[in-house]
Amino acid sequence: MSRPQRLIELLAALQARRRTTGEELARELGVSTRTVLRDVRALVDAGIPVFTERGKYGGISLLPGDQADLSKLTTGEADLLRAVGLDLDRARQLGGEAAARSALRKLTPRRRPSPVRDDARLALTDVVAIDNRPWFEDDAPLPDVAGLVRDLRTGRRLRIGYRRSGAAGGQEAVVDPYGLVQRGGRWYLVADRDGRPRMFALARLQHWSVLDADRRLRPGADLAGTARELGEELEGAERVVVTARLDAGSLDLARRILGARLRTAGGREDDGRVEITVSYGQLDGVRQLLQFGDHIEVVGPQAARRLIGRLAAGIARTHSARGDGAAE
């Protein structure tokens, strides 16, 4: 793949996902990470709003908006960019300068008139910061991720010790690993267990060892596809939809805490509340709403409303008893 073609493919990849890494793009494009970073620099120099962030939660992002949209290009403009990339001099030599300039106008932001000279503008990194860490969580201690990667590259089966969410202790299992994936700021081991795909949070991975046997993966399965399959399965497994009335002033906080679980939010009503719907994989998930205290009322289903009532009554009894004891 030539560099001009690669630049278009790189832009298409950034358009298709909210965030990625240089390593992921390098694998997809069949080049080195250093080459990807040089190509990203070329996009930035052309005025296309690509943002890179270093560190554990860093990555490469195309800033949201409608300014960099390949679908706006005509067939001729797209073909020209694949041939010459962002090089206007080459486009001029081919008699396509007008088409190239038109294409770049469609891919770069429209600037409002400004009294500030272009050479006095602040760098993009001075005015944009991207932090992909999840809200309200401390970094959980992780195992030796680099060491795990080295062992994964042997292509062997693993014996792991893993503590399931909510369990007091861990259990051992033999798995056929695909690799690691980072999602929402968290690392997961993606592996088949007994022939079925699973995702194991590294924060609960207690230990592992490499077995003297090659991994046996499902036919045609790979890391990216399996991680996507598991993510879609998890998101589609939400069977309980809870309706609640929330103080309008708490709606922004609810969006941060509930994330994708917050499915809908209505308009502000006369009493200052909004109706929201929240989805969970099981009824017990409604416990999450207790943190909103008296700022929320669960309306339905009735099983969720009764559960919230029982939990709130239990909390009230516990705190009342402790209070009485302290007074004595």
Protein backbone atom coordinates (compact mmCIF):
# COMPACT_ATOMS: atom_id res chain seq x y z
CA MET A 1 0.00 0.00 0.00
CA SER A 2 1.43 3.37 -1.02
CA ARG A 3 1.65 6.22 1.47
CA PRO A 4 -1.16 8.25 -0.16
CA GLN A 5 -3.46 5.22 0.00
CA ARG A 6 -2.37 4.60 3.59
CA LEU A 7 -3.28 8.14 4.65
CA ILE A 8 -6.83 7.66 3.39
CA GLU A 9 -7.08 4.25 5.04
CA LEU A 10 -5.74 5.77 8.27
CA LEU A 11 -8.34 8.53 8.17
CA ALA A 12 -11.07 5.97 7.45
CA ALA A 13 -9.94 3.87 10.43
CA LEU A 14 -10.01 6.90 12.73
CA GLN A 15 -13.47 7.80 11.48
CA ALA A 16 -14.76 4.28 12.19
CA ARG A 17 -13.81 4.24 15.87
CA ARG A 18 -13.76 6.80 18.64
CA ARG A 19 -10.26 5.95 19.77
CA THR A 20 -7.44 3.61 18.80
CA THR A 21 -3.70 3.20 19.32
CA GLY A 22 -0.67 3.42 17.09
CA GLU A 23 -0.04 -0.29 17.58
CA GLU A 24 -3.58 -1.22 16.50
CA LEU A 25 -3.34 0.99 13.41
CA ALA A 26 0.09 -0.43 12.56
CA ARG A 27 -1.28 -3.98 12.60
CA GLU A 28 -4.28 -2.97 10.51
CA LEU A 29 -2.22 -1.11 7.90
CA GLY A 30 0.71 -3.53 7.87
CA VAL A 31 3.36 -0.93 8.79
CA SER A 32 5.41 0.02 11.85
CA THR A 33 4.07 2.14 14.69
CA ARG A 34 6.67 4.78 13.82
CA THR A 35 5.25 4.97 10.28
CA VAL A 36 1.73 5.38 11.65
CA LEU A 37 2.87 8.27 13.86
CA ARG A 38 4.55 9.94 10.87
CA ASP A 39 1.30 9.58 8.91
CA VAL A 40 -0.68 11.04 11.80
CA ARG A 41 1.71 13.99 11.81
CA ALA A 42 1.00 14.48 8.09
CA LEU A 43 -2.75 14.58 8.78
CA VAL A 44 -2.24 17.11 11.57
CA ASP A 45 -0.04 19.27 9.35
CA ALA A 46 -2.80 19.26 6.73
CA GLY A 47 -5.22 20.69 9.28
CA ILE A 48 -7.17 17.49 9.93
CA PRO A 49 -8.10 17.39 13.66
CA VAL A 50 -6.27 14.23 14.77
CA PHE A 51 -5.22 14.18 18.42
CA THR A 52 -2.60 11.96 20.06
CA GLU A 53 -2.21 11.43 23.79
CA ARG A 54 0.68 9.61 25.47
CA GLY A 55 0.54 7.39 28.54
CA LYS A 56 -1.43 4.44 29.87
CA TYR A 57 -4.79 5.86 28.82
CA GLY A 58 -3.51 7.53 25.67
CA GLY A 59 -4.30 6.83 22.06
CA ILE A 60 -5.13 8.44 18.74
CA SER A 61 -8.47 10.14 18.21
CA LEU A 62 -10.23 12.06 15.47
CA LEU A 63 -11.92 14.95 17.23
CA PRO A 64 -15.74 14.70 16.99
CA GLY A 65 -17.52 16.80 14.41
CA ASP A 66 -18.51 16.77 10.76
CA GLN A 67 -15.37 18.40 9.40
CA ALA A 68 -13.39 15.24 8.57
CA ASP A 69 -15.85 13.02 6.73
CA LEU A 70 -14.70 10.88 3.82
CA SER A 71 -18.30 10.47 2.72
CA LYS A 72 -18.28 14.12 1.61
CA LEU A 73 -15.67 13.39 -1.08
CA THR A 74 -16.65 12.83 -4.67
CA THR A 75 -15.35 9.68 -6.36
CA GLY A 76 -12.79 11.77 -8.26
CA GLU A 77 -11.57 13.55 -5.14
CA ALA A 78 -11.21 10.28 -3.24
CA ASP A 79 -9.29 8.69 -6.11
CA LEU A 80 -6.98 11.69 -6.34
CA LEU A 81 -6.22 11.60 -2.62
CA ARG A 82 -5.43 7.90 -2.84
CA ALA A 83 -3.00 8.71 -5.64
CA VAL A 84 -1.22 11.77 -4.22
CA GLY A 85 -2.27 11.88 -0.59
CA LEU A 86 -2.15 15.39 0.88
CA ASP A 87 0.57 16.64 -1.50
CA LEU A 88 -0.86 19.59 -3.47
CA ASP A 89 2.30 19.86 -5.59
CA ARG A 90 1.80 16.32 -6.91
CA ALA A 91 -1.87 17.04 -7.49
CA ARG A 92 -0.89 20.14 -9.49
CA GLN A 93 1.49 18.08 -11.61
CA LEU A 94 -1.37 15.71 -12.41
CA GLY A 95 -3.72 18.57 -13.24
CA GLY A 96 -5.85 17.89 -10.21
CA GLU A 97 -5.01 20.80 -7.91
CA ALA A 98 -8.60 22.10 -7.84
CA ALA A 99 -9.99 18.69 -6.89
CA ALA A 100 -7.29 18.22 -4.22
CA ARG A 101 -8.00 21.61 -2.66
CA SER A 102 -11.74 20.85 -2.71
CA ALA A 103 -11.09 17.54 -0.96
CA LEU A 104 -8.95 19.15 1.74
CA ARG A 105 -11.58 21.82 2.35
CA LYS A 106 -14.09 19.05 3.01
CA LEU A 107 -11.75 17.26 5.42
CA THR A 108 -10.52 20.23 7.46
CA PRO A 109 -12.41 22.52 9.81
CA ARG A 110 -13.95 25.74 8.56
CA ARG A 111 -12.26 28.56 10.43
CA ARG A 112 -14.22 31.57 11.60
CA PRO A 113 -12.55 34.93 10.98
CA SER A 114 -10.09 35.58 13.78
CA PRO A 115 -7.81 38.48 14.67
CA VAL A 116 -5.16 35.94 15.72
CA ARG A 117 -2.44 35.19 13.16
CA ASP A 118 -2.11 31.53 12.13
CA ASP A 119 1.51 31.47 13.30
CA ALA A 120 0.37 32.70 16.74
CA ARG A 121 -2.21 29.95 17.27
CA LEU A 122 -1.80 27.60 20.21
CA ALA A 123 -0.96 23.97 19.51
CA LEU A 124 -3.84 21.50 19.48
CA THR A 125 -2.41 19.80 22.60
CA ASP A 126 -2.60 23.15 24.43
CA VAL A 127 -6.37 23.34 24.04
CA VAL A 128 -7.47 19.67 23.95
CA ALA A 129 -6.82 16.93 26.52
CA ILE A 130 -8.17 13.38 26.31
CA ASP A 131 -8.41 11.21 29.43
CA ASN A 132 -9.93 7.75 28.88
CA ARG A 133 -9.93 6.67 32.53
CA PRO A 134 -13.35 5.61 33.89
CA TRP A 135 -15.05 7.97 36.33
CA PHE A 136 -15.07 7.47 40.10
CA GLU A 137 -12.63 4.58 40.17
CA ASP A 138 -9.11 4.21 41.46
CA ASP A 139 -6.67 2.29 39.32
CA ALA A 140 -6.97 -1.35 40.37
CA PRO A 141 -3.61 -3.12 40.85
CA LEU A 142 -2.70 -5.11 37.75
CA PRO A 143 -0.51 -8.16 37.27
CA ASP A 144 2.66 -8.00 35.19
CA VAL A 145 0.95 -7.08 31.90
CA ALA A 146 4.19 -7.05 29.93
CA GLY A 147 5.08 -10.51 31.26
CA LEU A 148 1.61 -11.80 30.36
CA VAL A 149 2.03 -10.45 26.83
CA ARG A 150 5.34 -12.29 26.49
CA ASP A 151 3.66 -15.53 27.56
CA LEU A 152 0.70 -14.95 25.22
CA ARG A 153 3.10 -14.65 22.30
CA THR A 154 4.22 -18.24 22.82
CA GLY A 155 0.84 -19.37 21.49
CA ARG A 156 0.42 -21.83 24.41
CA ARG A 157 -2.49 -22.61 26.69
CA LEU A 158 -2.60 -20.96 30.13
CA ARG A 159 -3.62 -22.11 33.55
CA ILE A 160 -5.05 -19.11 35.37
CA GLY A 161 -6.24 -18.30 38.86
CA TYR A 162 -9.19 -15.93 38.59
CA ARG A 163 -11.59 -14.34 41.06
CA ARG A 164 -15.03 -13.77 39.64
CA SER A 165 -16.77 -10.48 40.45
CA GLY A 166 -18.18 -10.58 43.96
CA ALA A 167 -16.50 -13.87 44.87
CA ALA A 168 -14.37 -14.14 48.00
CA GLY A 169 -11.70 -16.37 46.47
CA GLY A 170 -10.36 -17.41 43.10
CA GLN A 171 -10.69 -20.56 41.03
CA GLU A 172 -8.30 -22.19 38.58
CA ALA A 173 -9.09 -22.80 34.94
CA VAL A 174 -7.28 -23.79 31.74
CA VAL A 175 -7.89 -21.36 28.89
CA ASP A 176 -6.93 -20.92 25.25
CA PRO A 177 -5.94 -17.25 25.02
CA TYR A 178 -6.44 -14.88 22.10
CA GLY A 179 -4.76 -11.91 23.76
CA LEU A 180 -5.44 -8.71 25.68
CA VAL A 181 -7.93 -5.95 24.96
CA GLN A 182 -8.38 -2.60 26.67
CA ARG A 183 -11.89 -1.26 26.92
CA GLY A 184 -13.15 1.68 28.97
CA GLY A 185 -9.70 2.11 30.53
CA ARG A 186 -9.62 -1.52 31.76
CA TRP A 187 -7.53 -4.46 30.58
CA TYR A 188 -9.07 -7.86 29.84
CA LEU A 189 -7.72 -11.26 28.87
CA VAL A 190 -9.79 -12.70 26.02
CA ALA A 191 -9.71 -16.49 25.94
CA ASP A 192 -11.76 -19.59 25.21
CA ARG A 193 -12.68 -21.69 28.22
CA ASP A 194 -14.07 -25.12 27.39
CA GLY A 195 -14.50 -23.94 23.81
CA ARG A 196 -16.53 -20.83 24.72
CA PRO A 197 -15.20 -17.24 24.56
CA ARG A 198 -14.74 -15.39 27.83
CA MET A 199 -13.34 -12.06 28.98
CA PHE A 200 -11.29 -11.99 32.21
CA ALA A 201 -10.58 -8.67 33.96
CA LEU A 202 -6.84 -8.42 34.62
CA ALA A 203 -7.54 -6.68 37.93
CA ARG A 204 -8.97 -10.02 39.17
CA LEU A 205 -6.38 -12.26 37.51
CA GLN A 206 -4.45 -13.70 40.46
CA HIS A 207 -1.80 -15.77 38.66
CA TRP A 208 -1.11 -17.69 35.48
CA SER A 209 1.30 -20.26 34.11
CA VAL A 210 2.14 -21.42 30.58
CA LEU A 211 1.26 -25.03 29.79
CA ASP A 212 3.17 -27.33 27.48
CA ALA A 213 0.38 -27.41 24.91
CA ASP A 214 -0.51 -25.17 21.97
CA ARG A 215 -3.64 -23.10 22.31
CA ARG A 216 -6.73 -24.45 20.52
CA LEU A 217 -8.90 -21.61 19.26
CA ARG A 218 -12.28 -21.82 17.58
CA PRO A 219 -11.95 -22.06 13.77
CA GLY A 220 -11.78 -18.64 12.15
CA ALA A 221 -11.80 -16.76 15.46
CA ASP A 222 -9.30 -14.01 16.28
CA LEU A 223 -8.72 -11.46 19.04
CA ALA A 224 -10.51 -8.47 17.51
CA GLY A 225 -13.55 -10.44 16.40
CA THR A 226 -13.90 -12.32 19.68
CA ALA A 227 -13.58 -9.15 21.77
CA ARG A 228 -16.23 -7.49 19.61
CA GLU A 229 -18.48 -10.56 19.91
CA LEU A 230 -18.19 -10.56 23.71
CA GLY A 231 -18.83 -6.83 23.94
CA GLU A 232 -21.96 -7.06 21.81
CA GLU A 233 -23.17 -10.04 23.81
CA LEU A 234 -22.66 -8.18 27.08
CA GLU A 235 -24.46 -5.06 25.87
CA GLY A 236 -27.30 -7.14 24.43
CA ALA A 237 -27.77 -9.15 27.63
CA GLU A 238 -29.51 -6.31 29.47
CA ARG A 239 -32.93 -7.80 30.21
CA VAL A 240 -34.26 -5.48 32.95
CA VAL A 241 -35.27 -1.94 31.99
CA VAL A 242 -35.92 0.28 35.02
CA THR A 243 -37.96 3.47 34.81
CA ALA A 244 -37.20 6.15 37.39
CA ARG A 245 -37.80 9.84 38.11
CA LEU A 246 -34.61 11.76 38.80
CA ASP A 247 -33.95 15.32 39.97
CA ALA A 248 -33.00 17.24 36.83
CA GLY A 249 -29.92 18.63 38.57
CA SER A 250 -28.56 15.10 38.96
CA LEU A 251 -28.91 14.16 35.29
CA ASP A 252 -25.34 15.06 34.29
CA LEU A 253 -23.99 13.03 37.23
CA ALA A 254 -26.22 10.11 36.18
CA ARG A 255 -24.79 10.20 32.67
CA ARG A 256 -21.26 9.91 34.08
CA ILE A 257 -22.07 7.16 36.59
CA LEU A 258 -24.49 5.07 34.54
CA GLY A 259 -22.78 5.45 31.16
CA ALA A 260 -24.37 3.33 28.45
CA ARG A 261 -26.85 1.87 30.96
CA LEU A 262 -28.74 5.16 30.84
CA ARG A 263 -30.90 4.54 27.80
CA THR A 264 -33.30 7.50 27.73
CA ALA A 265 -33.83 10.79 29.57
CA GLY A 266 -36.98 12.85 29.10
CA GLY A 267 -37.54 16.56 29.43
CA ARG A 268 -37.77 18.46 32.71
CA GLU A 269 -41.21 18.18 34.29
CA ASP A 270 -43.04 20.76 36.40
CA ASP A 271 -41.76 19.25 39.66
CA GLY A 272 -38.12 19.57 38.51
CA ARG A 273 -37.63 15.88 37.72
CA VAL A 274 -36.94 13.97 34.52
CA GLU A 275 -38.00 10.45 33.63
CA ILE A 276 -35.11 8.12 32.79
CA THR A 277 -34.78 4.49 31.78
CA VAL A 278 -31.80 2.38 32.88
CA SER A 279 -31.01 -1.16 31.71
CA TYR A 280 -29.44 -4.00 33.70
CA GLY A 281 -28.58 -7.61 33.04
CA GLN A 282 -30.44 -8.67 36.18
CA LEU A 283 -32.80 -7.13 38.70
CA ASP A 284 -30.11 -6.88 41.39
CA GLY A 285 -28.33 -4.26 39.27
CA VAL A 286 -30.88 -1.71 40.49
CA ARG A 287 -28.71 -1.42 43.64
CA GLN A 288 -26.57 1.01 41.64
CA LEU A 289 -29.36 3.58 41.84
CA LEU A 290 -29.15 3.76 45.64
CA GLN A 291 -26.22 6.15 45.35
CA PHE A 292 -28.63 8.84 44.13
CA GLY A 293 -30.37 8.73 47.52
CA ASP A 294 -33.56 10.76 47.71
CA HIS A 295 -32.81 12.39 44.36
CA ILE A 296 -34.37 9.43 42.56
CA GLU A 297 -37.61 7.44 42.68
CA VAL A 298 -37.82 4.07 40.96
CA VAL A 299 -41.20 3.81 39.25
CA GLY A 300 -41.09 0.38 37.66
CA PRO A 301 -41.08 -2.46 37.20
CA GLN A 302 -42.70 -3.20 40.54
CA ALA A 303 -40.06 -5.82 41.36
CA ALA A 304 -37.34 -3.16 41.06
CA ARG A 305 -39.34 -0.69 43.15
CA ARG A 306 -39.91 -3.28 45.89
CA LEU A 307 -36.22 -4.23 45.89
CA ILE A 308 -35.15 -0.60 46.28
CA GLY A 309 -37.66 -0.24 49.13
CA ARG A 310 -36.29 -3.29 50.95
CA LEU A 311 -32.70 -2.17 50.49
CA ALA A 312 -33.44 1.37 51.67
CA ALA A 313 -35.30 0.04 54.72
CA GLY A 314 -32.37 -2.21 55.57
CA ILE A 315 -29.93 0.70 55.30
CA ALA A 316 -32.18 2.82 57.53
CA ARG A 317 -32.37 0.06 60.18
CA THR A 318 -28.61 -0.44 60.15
CA HIS A 319 -27.82 3.22 60.60
CA SER A 320 -30.56 3.77 63.14
CA ALA A 321 -29.26 0.92 65.32
CA ARG A 322 -25.69 2.20 65.19
CA GLY A 323 -26.86 5.67 66.03
CA ASP A 324 -28.77 4.49 69.10
CA GLY A 325 -25.80 2.48 70.30
CA ALA A 326 -23.47 5.46 69.99
CA ALA A 327 -25.88 7.65 71.96
CA GLU A 328 -25.87 5.24 74.90
